[in-house]
C-alpha atoms as a PDB file:
ATOM      1  CA  MET A   1     -17.309 -10.758  21.014  1.00  0.00           C
ATOM      2  CA  PRO A   2     -13.515 -10.565  21.549  1.00  0.00           C
ATOM      3  CA  ASP A   3     -10.933  -9.758  18.914  1.00  0.00           C
ATOM      4  CA  SER A   4     -10.757 -12.489  16.211  1.00  0.00           C
ATOM      5  CA  LYS A   5      -7.056 -12.942  16.968  1.00  0.00           C
ATOM      6  CA  TYR A   6      -7.950 -15.049  19.988  1.00  0.00           C
ATOM      7  CA  LEU A   7      -9.454 -17.639  17.436  1.00  0.00           C
ATOM      8  CA  GLU A   8      -6.593 -17.576  15.103  1.00  0.00           C
ATOM      9  CA  PRO A   9      -3.688 -20.058  15.075  1.00  0.00           C
ATOM     10  CA  THR A  10      -0.230 -18.624  15.723  1.00  0.00           C
ATOM     11  CA  PHE A  11       3.253 -20.260  15.681  1.00  0.00           C
ATOM     12  CA  PHE A  12       3.143 -21.406  19.242  1.00  0.00           C
ATOM     13  CA  ILE A  13      -0.657 -21.865  19.653  1.00  0.00           C
ATOM     14  CA  ASP A  14      -0.709 -24.020  16.423  1.00  0.00           C
ATOM     15  CA  SER A  15      -4.577 -24.899  16.519  1.00  0.00           C
ATOM     16  CA  ASP A  16      -4.388 -26.006  12.741  1.00  0.00           C
ATOM     17  CA  ASP A  17      -1.806 -28.782  13.401  1.00  0.00           C
ATOM     18  CA  LYS A  18      -3.339 -32.030  12.319  1.00  0.00           C
ATOM     19  CA  ASP A  19      -2.507 -33.780  15.704  1.00  0.00           C
ATOM     20  CA  VAL A  20      -4.007 -30.980  17.676  1.00  0.00           C
ATOM     21  CA  THR A  21      -7.256 -30.993  15.592  1.00  0.00           C
ATOM     22  CA  ALA A  22      -7.696 -34.667  16.001  1.00  0.00           C
ATOM     23  CA  PHE A  23      -7.167 -34.613  19.687  1.00  0.00           C
ATOM     24  CA  ALA A  24      -9.512 -31.843  20.112  1.00  0.00           C
ATOM     25  CA  GLU A  25     -12.306 -33.703  17.937  1.00  0.00           C
ATOM     26  CA  LYS A  26     -11.943 -36.698  19.878  1.00  0.00           C
ATOM     27  CA  ILE A  27     -12.261 -35.028  23.145  1.00  0.00           C
ATOM     28  CA  VAL A  28     -15.596 -32.829  22.189  1.00  0.00           C
ATOM     29  CA  THR A  29     -17.161 -35.357  19.971  1.00  0.00           C
ATOM     30  CA  ASP A  30     -20.164 -35.664  22.240  1.00  0.00           C
ATOM     31  CA  LYS A  31     -20.264 -32.482  23.804  1.00  0.00           C
ATOM     32  CA  GLU A  32     -22.745 -29.730  22.695  1.00  0.00           C
ATOM     33  CA  ASP A  33     -22.333 -26.342  24.285  1.00  0.00           C
ATOM     34  CA  GLU A  34     -19.135 -24.390  24.590  1.00  0.00           C
ATOM     35  CA  SER A  35     -18.928 -24.713  28.361  1.00  0.00           C
ATOM     36  CA  GLU A  36     -18.932 -28.620  28.020  1.00  0.00           C
ATOM     37  CA  LYS A  37     -16.143 -28.308  25.228  1.00  0.00           C
ATOM     38  CA  ALA A  38     -13.987 -26.012  27.354  1.00  0.00           C
ATOM     39  CA  VAL A  39     -14.288 -28.205  30.502  1.00  0.00           C
ATOM     40  CA  ALA A  40     -13.739 -31.446  28.733  1.00  0.00           C
ATOM     41  CA  LEU A  41     -10.582 -29.944  26.861  1.00  0.00           C
ATOM     42  CA  TYR A  42      -9.348 -28.614  30.256  1.00  0.00           C
ATOM     43  CA  TYR A  43      -9.492 -32.037  31.987  1.00  0.00           C
ATOM     44  CA  ALA A  44      -8.072 -33.704  28.983  1.00  0.00           C
ATOM     45  CA  VAL A  45      -4.753 -31.324  29.087  1.00  0.00           C
ATOM     46  CA  ARG A  46      -4.688 -31.551  32.921  1.00  0.00           C
ATOM     47  CA  ASP A  47      -4.710 -35.228  33.268  1.00  0.00           C
ATOM     48  CA  GLN A  48      -3.543 -36.647  29.890  1.00  0.00           C
ATOM     49  CA  ILE A  49      -0.436 -34.157  29.586  1.00  0.00           C
ATOM     50  CA  LEU A  50       1.859 -34.735  32.734  1.00  0.00           C
ATOM     51  CA  TYR A  51       3.166 -31.836  34.485  1.00  0.00           C
ATOM     52  CA  ASP A  52       6.885 -31.626  34.184  1.00  0.00           C
ATOM     53  CA  PRO A  53       8.781 -28.466  35.191  1.00  0.00           C
ATOM     54  CA  TYR A  54      11.801 -29.991  33.871  1.00  0.00           C
ATOM     55  CA  ALA A  55      10.372 -29.804  30.429  1.00  0.00           C
ATOM     56  CA  VAL A  56      11.217 -26.078  30.044  1.00  0.00           C
ATOM     57  CA  SER A  57      13.218 -25.692  26.940  1.00  0.00           C
ATOM     58  CA  THR A  58      14.904 -22.697  25.093  1.00  0.00           C
ATOM     59  CA  ASN A  59      13.849 -24.317  21.787  1.00  0.00           C
ATOM     60  CA  LYS A  60      10.794 -22.502  20.317  1.00  0.00           C
ATOM     61  CA  GLN A  61       9.818 -25.612  18.589  1.00  0.00           C
ATOM     62  CA  GLN A  62       9.316 -27.397  21.780  1.00  0.00           C
ATOM     63  CA  MET A  63       7.088 -24.669  23.082  1.00  0.00           C
ATOM     64  CA  ARG A  64       4.555 -25.232  20.553  1.00  0.00           C
ATOM     65  CA  ALA A  65       1.248 -26.821  21.272  1.00  0.00           C
ATOM     66  CA  SER A  66       1.596 -29.649  18.898  1.00  0.00           C
ATOM     67  CA  SER A  67       5.018 -30.474  20.582  1.00  0.00           C
ATOM     68  CA  THR A  68       3.450 -30.560  23.919  1.00  0.00           C
ATOM     69  CA  LEU A  69       0.836 -33.099  22.739  1.00  0.00           C
ATOM     70  CA  GLN A  70       3.556 -35.194  20.908  1.00  0.00           C
ATOM     71  CA  ASN A  71       5.730 -35.318  24.203  1.00  0.00           C
ATOM     72  CA  GLN A  72       2.690 -36.069  26.391  1.00  0.00           C
ATOM     73  CA  LYS A  73       4.213 -33.722  29.178  1.00  0.00           C
ATOM     74  CA  GLY A  74       4.921 -30.020  29.625  1.00  0.00           C
ATOM     75  CA  TYR A  75       4.874 -27.283  32.220  1.00  0.00           C
ATOM     76  CA  CYS A  76       2.466 -24.577  33.151  1.00  0.00           C
ATOM     77  CA  VAL A  77       3.216 -22.450  30.155  1.00  0.00           C
ATOM     78  CA  THR A  78       3.100 -25.150  27.413  1.00  0.00           C
ATOM     79  CA  LYS A  79       0.248 -26.995  28.946  1.00  0.00           C
ATOM     80  CA  ALA A  80      -1.804 -23.386  28.819  1.00  0.00           C
ATOM     81  CA  ILE A  81      -0.437 -23.140  25.299  1.00  0.00           C
ATOM     82  CA  LEU A  82      -1.869 -26.487  24.364  1.00  0.00           C
ATOM     83  CA  LEU A  83      -5.263 -25.862  26.025  1.00  0.00           C
ATOM     84  CA  ALA A  84      -5.534 -22.544  24.139  1.00  0.00           C
ATOM     85  CA  ALA A  85      -4.838 -24.300  20.663  1.00  0.00           C
ATOM     86  CA  LEU A  86      -7.527 -26.913  21.383  1.00  0.00           C
ATOM     87  CA  LEU A  87     -10.188 -24.229  22.296  1.00  0.00           C
ATOM     88  CA  ARG A  88      -9.408 -22.167  19.286  1.00  0.00           C
ATOM     89  CA  PHE A  89      -9.882 -25.145  16.976  1.00  0.00           C
ATOM     90  CA  VAL A  90     -13.372 -25.709  18.520  1.00  0.00           C
ATOM     91  CA  LYS A  91     -14.155 -21.863  17.872  1.00  0.00           C
ATOM     92  CA  ILE A  92     -13.858 -20.917  21.703  1.00  0.00           C
ATOM     93  CA  PRO A  93     -11.624 -17.635  22.019  1.00  0.00           C
ATOM     94  CA  SER A  94      -8.670 -18.072  24.278  1.00  0.00           C
ATOM     95  CA  ARG A  95      -5.635 -16.279  25.233  1.00  0.00           C
ATOM     96  CA  LEU A  96      -2.487 -16.799  27.436  1.00  0.00           C
ATOM     97  CA  GLY A  97      -2.125 -15.299  30.752  1.00  0.00           C
ATOM     98  CA  PHE A  98       0.869 -15.129  33.147  1.00  0.00           C
ATOM     99  CA  ALA A  99       1.600 -14.370  36.749  1.00  0.00           C
ATOM    100  CA  ASP A 100       4.668 -14.752  39.109  1.00  0.00           C
ATOM    101  CA  VAL A 101       3.696 -17.251  41.861  1.00  0.00           C
ATOM    102  CA  THR A 102       5.206 -18.677  45.035  1.00  0.00           C
ATOM    103  CA  ASN A 103       4.483 -22.486  44.331  1.00  0.00           C
ATOM    104  CA  HIS A 104       4.776 -24.816  47.147  1.00  0.00           C
ATOM    105  CA  LEU A 105       4.260 -27.844  44.858  1.00  0.00           C
ATOM    106  CA  ASN A 106       7.886 -28.246  44.483  1.00  0.00           C
ATOM    107  CA  THR A 107      10.647 -30.524  45.146  1.00  0.00           C
ATOM    108  CA  GLU A 108      14.182 -30.016  46.846  1.00  0.00           C
ATOM    109  CA  ASN A 109      16.033 -30.872  43.621  1.00  0.00           C
ATOM    110  CA  LEU A 110      13.795 -28.452  41.474  1.00  0.00           C
ATOM    111  CA  LYS A 111      14.035 -25.814  44.158  1.00  0.00           C
ATOM    112  CA  LYS A 112      17.775 -26.043  44.323  1.00  0.00           C
ATOM    113  CA  GLN A 113      18.314 -25.619  40.495  1.00  0.00           C
ATOM    114  CA  MET A 114      15.784 -22.759  40.443  1.00  0.00           C
ATOM    115  CA  GLY A 115      17.378 -21.072  43.297  1.00  0.00           C
ATOM    116  CA  THR A 116      14.096 -19.677  44.448  1.00  0.00           C
ATOM    117  CA  ASP A 117      10.476 -20.945  45.205  1.00  0.00           C
ATOM    118  CA  ILE A 118       8.900 -18.346  42.876  1.00  0.00           C
ATOM    119  CA  PHE A 119       7.809 -19.387  39.534  1.00  0.00           C
ATOM    120  CA  TYR A 120       8.163 -16.345  37.455  1.00  0.00           C
ATOM    121  CA  TYR A 121       5.641 -16.206  34.322  1.00  0.00           C
ATOM    122  CA  HIS A 122       3.432 -19.013  35.587  1.00  0.00           C
ATOM    123  CA  GLY A 123       1.061 -19.717  32.760  1.00  0.00           C
ATOM    124  CA  TYR A 124      -2.789 -20.138  32.531  1.00  0.00           C
ATOM    125  CA  THR A 125      -5.431 -20.056  29.912  1.00  0.00           C
ATOM    126  CA  ASP A 126      -7.923 -17.190  29.762  1.00  0.00           C
ATOM    127  CA  ILE A 127     -11.151 -18.605  28.004  1.00  0.00           C
ATOM    128  CA  TYR A 128     -14.084 -16.659  26.622  1.00  0.00           C
ATOM    129  CA  ILE A 129     -17.350 -18.473  27.486  1.00  0.00           C
ATOM    130  CA  ASN A 130     -20.752 -17.297  27.591  1.00  0.00           C
ATOM    131  CA  GLY A 131     -19.888 -13.583  27.332  1.00  0.00           C
ATOM    132  CA  LYS A 132     -17.074 -13.379  29.850  1.00  0.00           C
ATOM    133  CA  TRP A 133     -13.441 -14.447  30.329  1.00  0.00           C
ATOM    134  CA  VAL A 134     -12.526 -17.025  32.666  1.00  0.00           C
ATOM    135  CA  LYS A 135      -9.167 -18.378  33.924  1.00  0.00           C
ATOM    136  CA  ALA A 136      -8.204 -21.980  34.026  1.00  0.00           C
ATOM    137  CA  THR A 137      -4.894 -23.497  35.017  1.00  0.00           C
ATOM    138  CA  PRO A 138      -4.537 -27.237  33.478  1.00  0.00           C
ATOM    139  CA  ALA A 139      -0.876 -27.451  34.931  1.00  0.00           C
ATOM    140  CA  PHE A 140      -1.186 -30.120  37.631  1.00  0.00           C
ATOM    141  CA  ASN A 141      -2.467 -33.373  36.748  1.00  0.00           C
ATOM    142  CA  ILE A 142      -4.351 -35.315  39.416  1.00  0.00           C
ATOM    143  CA  SER A 143      -1.803 -38.209  39.918  1.00  0.00           C
ATOM    144  CA  LEU A 144       0.924 -35.659  40.693  1.00  0.00           C
ATOM    145  CA  CYS A 145      -1.508 -33.855  43.120  1.00  0.00           C
ATOM    146  CA  ASP A 146      -2.048 -36.962  44.960  1.00  0.00           C
ATOM    147  CA  LYS A 147       1.452 -37.530  45.541  1.00  0.00           C
ATOM    148  CA  PHE A 148       1.815 -33.912  47.052  1.00  0.00           C
ATOM    149  CA  GLY A 149      -1.269 -34.253  49.022  1.00  0.00           C
ATOM    150  CA  THR A 150      -2.532 -31.403  47.033  1.00  0.00           C
ATOM    151  CA  LYS A 151      -6.202 -30.900  45.773  1.00  0.00           C
ATOM    152  CA  PRO A 152      -6.232 -30.857  42.082  1.00  0.00           C
ATOM    153  CA  LEU A 153      -7.710 -27.758  40.402  1.00  0.00           C
ATOM    154  CA  GLU A 154     -11.342 -28.144  39.104  1.00  0.00           C
ATOM    155  CA  PHE A 155     -12.897 -26.088  36.289  1.00  0.00           C
ATOM    156  CA  ASP A 156     -16.530 -25.845  35.873  1.00  0.00           C
ATOM    157  CA  GLY A 157     -16.652 -23.436  32.806  1.00  0.00           C
ATOM    158  CA  ILE A 158     -17.997 -20.708  34.904  1.00  0.00           C
ATOM    159  CA  ASN A 159     -15.566 -19.570  37.484  1.00  0.00           C
ATOM    160  CA  ASP A 160     -11.822 -18.826  37.565  1.00  0.00           C
ATOM    161  CA  SER A 161      -9.804 -21.784  38.354  1.00  0.00           C
ATOM    162  CA  ILE A 162      -6.330 -20.452  39.159  1.00  0.00           C
ATOM    163  CA  PHE A 163      -5.087 -21.886  42.531  1.00  0.00           C
ATOM    164  CA  HIS A 164      -5.866 -23.551  45.551  1.00  0.00           C
ATOM    165  CA  PRO A 165      -4.388 -21.545  48.319  1.00  0.00           C
ATOM    166  CA  PHE A 166      -4.269 -24.505  50.665  1.00  0.00           C
ATOM    167  CA  ASP A 167      -3.423 -28.162  50.360  1.00  0.00           C
ATOM    168  CA  LYS A 168      -5.286 -31.075  51.838  1.00  0.00           C
ATOM    169  CA  LYS A 169      -3.533 -30.475  55.323  1.00  0.00           C
ATOM    170  CA  GLY A 170      -4.370 -26.733  55.285  1.00  0.00           C
ATOM    171  CA  GLN A 171      -0.895 -25.552  54.394  1.00  0.00           C
ATOM    172  CA  LYS A 172      -0.320 -22.718  51.704  1.00  0.00           C
ATOM    173  CA  HIS A 173      -0.024 -24.240  48.260  1.00  0.00           C
ATOM    174  CA  MET A 174       0.374 -21.255  45.825  1.00  0.00           C
ATOM    175  CA  GLU A 175       0.258 -17.414  46.214  1.00  0.00           C
ATOM    176  CA  TYR A 176      -0.031 -15.077  43.217  1.00  0.00           C
ATOM    177  CA  ILE A 177       2.474 -12.163  43.798  1.00  0.00           C
ATOM    178  CA  ASN A 178       2.410 -10.280  40.410  1.00  0.00           C
ATOM    179  CA  ASP A 179       0.166 -10.504  37.231  1.00  0.00           C
ATOM    180  CA  HIS A 180       1.708  -9.862  33.863  1.00  0.00           C
ATOM    181  CA  GLY A 181      -1.583  -9.682  31.937  1.00  0.00           C
ATOM    182  CA  HIS A 182      -2.783 -11.676  28.908  1.00  0.00           C
ATOM    183  CA  PHE A 183      -1.499 -12.259  25.465  1.00  0.00           C
ATOM    184  CA  ALA A 184      -2.867 -13.632  22.370  1.00  0.00           C
ATOM    185  CA  ASP A 185       0.482 -15.593  21.728  1.00  0.00           C
ATOM    186  CA  LEU A 186       3.465 -16.641  23.853  1.00  0.00           C
ATOM    187  CA  PRO A 187       5.757 -13.728  24.474  1.00  0.00           C
ATOM    188  CA  PHE A 188       8.735 -15.895  24.099  1.00  0.00           C
ATOM    189  CA  GLU A 189      11.552 -13.197  24.242  1.00  0.00           C
ATOM    190  CA  THR A 190       9.731 -11.421  27.384  1.00  0.00           C
ATOM    191  CA  ILE A 191       9.586 -14.852  29.305  1.00  0.00           C
ATOM    192  CA  TYR A 192      13.053 -15.927  28.503  1.00  0.00           C
ATOM    193  CA  ASN A 193      14.610 -12.822  29.418  1.00  0.00           C
ATOM    194  CA  SER A 194      12.938 -13.194  32.780  1.00  0.00           C
ATOM    195  CA  TYR A 195      14.152 -16.813  32.991  1.00  0.00           C
ATOM    196  CA  LYS A 196      17.922 -15.677  32.148  1.00  0.00           C
ATOM    197  CA  LYS A 197      17.758 -13.343  34.946  1.00  0.00           C
ATOM    198  CA  TYR A 198      16.152 -15.577  37.670  1.00  0.00           C
ATOM    199  CA  TYR A 199      16.967 -19.195  36.538  1.00  0.00           C
ATOM    200  CA  PRO A 200      20.661 -19.091  35.497  1.00  0.00           C
ATOM    201  CA  ALA A 201      20.805 -22.926  35.787  1.00  0.00           C
ATOM    202  CA  LEU A 202      18.352 -23.475  33.033  1.00  0.00           C
ATOM    203  CA  PHE A 203      20.788 -21.876  30.496  1.00  0.00           C
ATOM    204  CA  GLU A 204      24.024 -23.247  32.080  1.00  0.00           C
ATOM    205  CA  LEU A 205      22.589 -26.860  31.710  1.00  0.00           C
ATOM    206  CA  SER A 206      20.469 -26.137  28.675  1.00  0.00           C
ATOM    207  CA  ARG A 207      17.520 -27.268  30.653  1.00  0.00           C
ATOM    208  CA  PHE A 208      16.531 -28.347  34.350  1.00  0.00           C
ATOM    209  CA  ARG A 209      17.418 -31.870  35.055  1.00  0.00           C
ATOM    210  CA  GLY A 210      15.227 -34.416  37.135  1.00  0.00           C
ATOM    211  CA  ASP A 211      12.210 -36.721  37.328  1.00  0.00           C
ATOM    212  CA  PHE A 212       9.666 -34.425  39.108  1.00  0.00           C
ATOM    213  CA  HIS A 213       7.107 -37.288  39.661  1.00  0.00           C
ATOM    214  CA  LYS A 214       9.647 -39.413  41.139  1.00  0.00           C
ATOM    215  CA  GLU A 215      10.920 -36.837  43.553  1.00  0.00           C
ATOM    216  CA  ALA A 216       7.315 -35.909  44.498  1.00  0.00           C
ATOM    217  CA  SER A 217       6.756 -39.660  45.516  1.00  0.00           C
ATOM    218  CA  GLU A 218      10.003 -39.754  47.456  1.00  0.00           C
ATOM    219  CA  GLN A 219       9.327 -36.567  49.153  1.00  0.00           C
ATOM    220  CA  SER A 220       5.609 -37.253  50.330  1.00  0.00           C
END
């Protein structure tokens, strides 16, 4: 059994927040085993919380699971945090994983502001189910994937679900180039030191600016 820290609430993974607990209870109300609960929570975060890379914030409060749920949008890291919080509330151990990826699910406006097509510290959720850790990435909601012509990431509660290397046209979608390991809570300072280095526009403008879903529709 994993360390108990993977079941405990933290500042960012605030699994004891009343809105987080109410949302989790609603999603798993008719689910019996842990795999069913994990899968149901994954799809709830994937599709009910819109992916928005412009939602990156230097405000720690905005990085909490409860804030992402309230905002109904987030980027890969905050959506992974929310999924971890929901899982911990239903007694499924979870932790955060990070990797640098080349992500072709991008728009020209975002790429221009980032100055690169590499997403440093891309976030996913590591979940302990049926005696083993499995990875799940709830970032890209299905409506956004449709706009990009990309297959949405599915999760069965058994196998890792971290990327589709090719889109519907057979073109590359995402490549993992560096793994940063897993954490019991968000390593905020480490991540933002990386952002300061690679994404100076984030700090010059306070945040990236744009409408990612609109950009995706116009670009497709």
